[in-house]
């Protein structure tokens, strides 16, 4: 079997990036929660 995770920077940013997060209400909630927790990185 091959490994399931084949990293691609563009795909990662397009799926989990900051702009994607800010574009939806749920994503904004995610960012807010991560800010509240004090995460060093909010998103990729």
C-alpha atoms as a PDB file:
ATOM      1  CA  UNK A   1       0.000   0.000   0.000  1.00  0.00           C
ATOM      2  CA  UNK A   2       1.049   3.572  -0.616  1.00  0.00           C
ATOM      3  CA  UNK A   3       1.071   6.315   1.991  1.00  0.00           C
ATOM      4  CA  UNK A   4      -2.224   8.188   2.192  1.00  0.00           C
ATOM      5  CA  UNK A   5      -0.726  11.624   2.754  1.00  0.00           C
ATOM      6  CA  UNK A   6       0.931  13.112  -0.336  1.00  0.00           C
ATOM      7  CA  UNK A   7       1.718  16.667   0.782  1.00  0.00           C
ATOM      8  CA  UNK A   8       1.033  19.548  -1.599  1.00  0.00           C
ATOM      9  CA  UNK A   9       1.481  23.100  -0.398  1.00  0.00           C
ATOM     10  CA  UNK A  10      -1.120  24.608  -2.705  1.00  0.00           C
ATOM     11  CA  UNK A  11      -3.810  22.062  -1.878  1.00  0.00           C
ATOM     12  CA  UNK A  12      -3.106  22.493   1.840  1.00  0.00           C
ATOM     13  CA  UNK A  13      -3.468  26.266   1.637  1.00  0.00           C
ATOM     14  CA  UNK A  14      -6.579  26.054  -0.546  1.00  0.00           C
ATOM     15  CA  UNK A  15      -8.283  23.702   1.899  1.00  0.00           C
ATOM     16  CA  UNK A  16      -7.108  24.866   5.324  1.00  0.00           C
ATOM     17  CA  UNK A  17      -5.597  28.299   4.631  1.00  0.00           C
ATOM     18  CA  UNK A  18      -6.335  31.567   6.396  1.00  0.00           C
ATOM     19  CA  UNK A  19      -8.359  32.988   3.498  1.00  0.00           C
ATOM     20  CA  UNK A  20     -10.568  29.909   3.379  1.00  0.00           C
ATOM     21  CA  UNK A  21     -11.124  30.097   7.140  1.00  0.00           C
ATOM     22  CA  UNK A  22     -12.068  33.764   7.065  1.00  0.00           C
ATOM     23  CA  UNK A  23     -14.498  33.254   4.181  1.00  0.00           C
ATOM     24  CA  UNK A  24     -17.043  31.185   6.149  1.00  0.00           C
ATOM     25  CA  UNK A  25     -18.858  31.777   9.463  1.00  0.00           C
ATOM     26  CA  UNK A  26     -17.667  28.412  10.803  1.00  0.00           C
ATOM     27  CA  UNK A  27     -14.112  29.172   9.780  1.00  0.00           C
ATOM     28  CA  UNK A  28     -14.241  32.497  11.601  1.00  0.00           C
ATOM     29  CA  UNK A  29     -15.362  30.608  14.698  1.00  0.00           C
ATOM     30  CA  UNK A  30     -12.391  28.248  14.323  1.00  0.00           C
ATOM     31  CA  UNK A  31      -9.988  31.201  14.117  1.00  0.00           C
ATOM     32  CA  UNK A  32     -11.631  32.861  17.109  1.00  0.00           C
ATOM     33  CA  UNK A  33     -11.254  29.690  19.164  1.00  0.00           C
ATOM     34  CA  UNK A  34      -7.604  29.339  18.176  1.00  0.00           C
ATOM     35  CA  UNK A  35      -6.959  32.981  19.023  1.00  0.00           C
ATOM     36  CA  UNK A  36      -8.608  32.502  22.405  1.00  0.00           C
ATOM     37  CA  UNK A  37      -6.451  29.471  23.106  1.00  0.00           C
ATOM     38  CA  UNK A  38      -3.368  31.474  22.108  1.00  0.00           C
ATOM     39  CA  UNK A  39      -2.166  29.361  19.211  1.00  0.00           C
ATOM     40  CA  UNK A  40       1.143  30.379  17.655  1.00  0.00           C
ATOM     41  CA  UNK A  41      -0.253  29.457  14.228  1.00  0.00           C
ATOM     42  CA  UNK A  42      -3.907  30.178  13.459  1.00  0.00           C
ATOM     43  CA  UNK A  43      -3.819  28.384  10.104  1.00  0.00           C
ATOM     44  CA  UNK A  44      -1.403  27.221   7.420  1.00  0.00           C
END
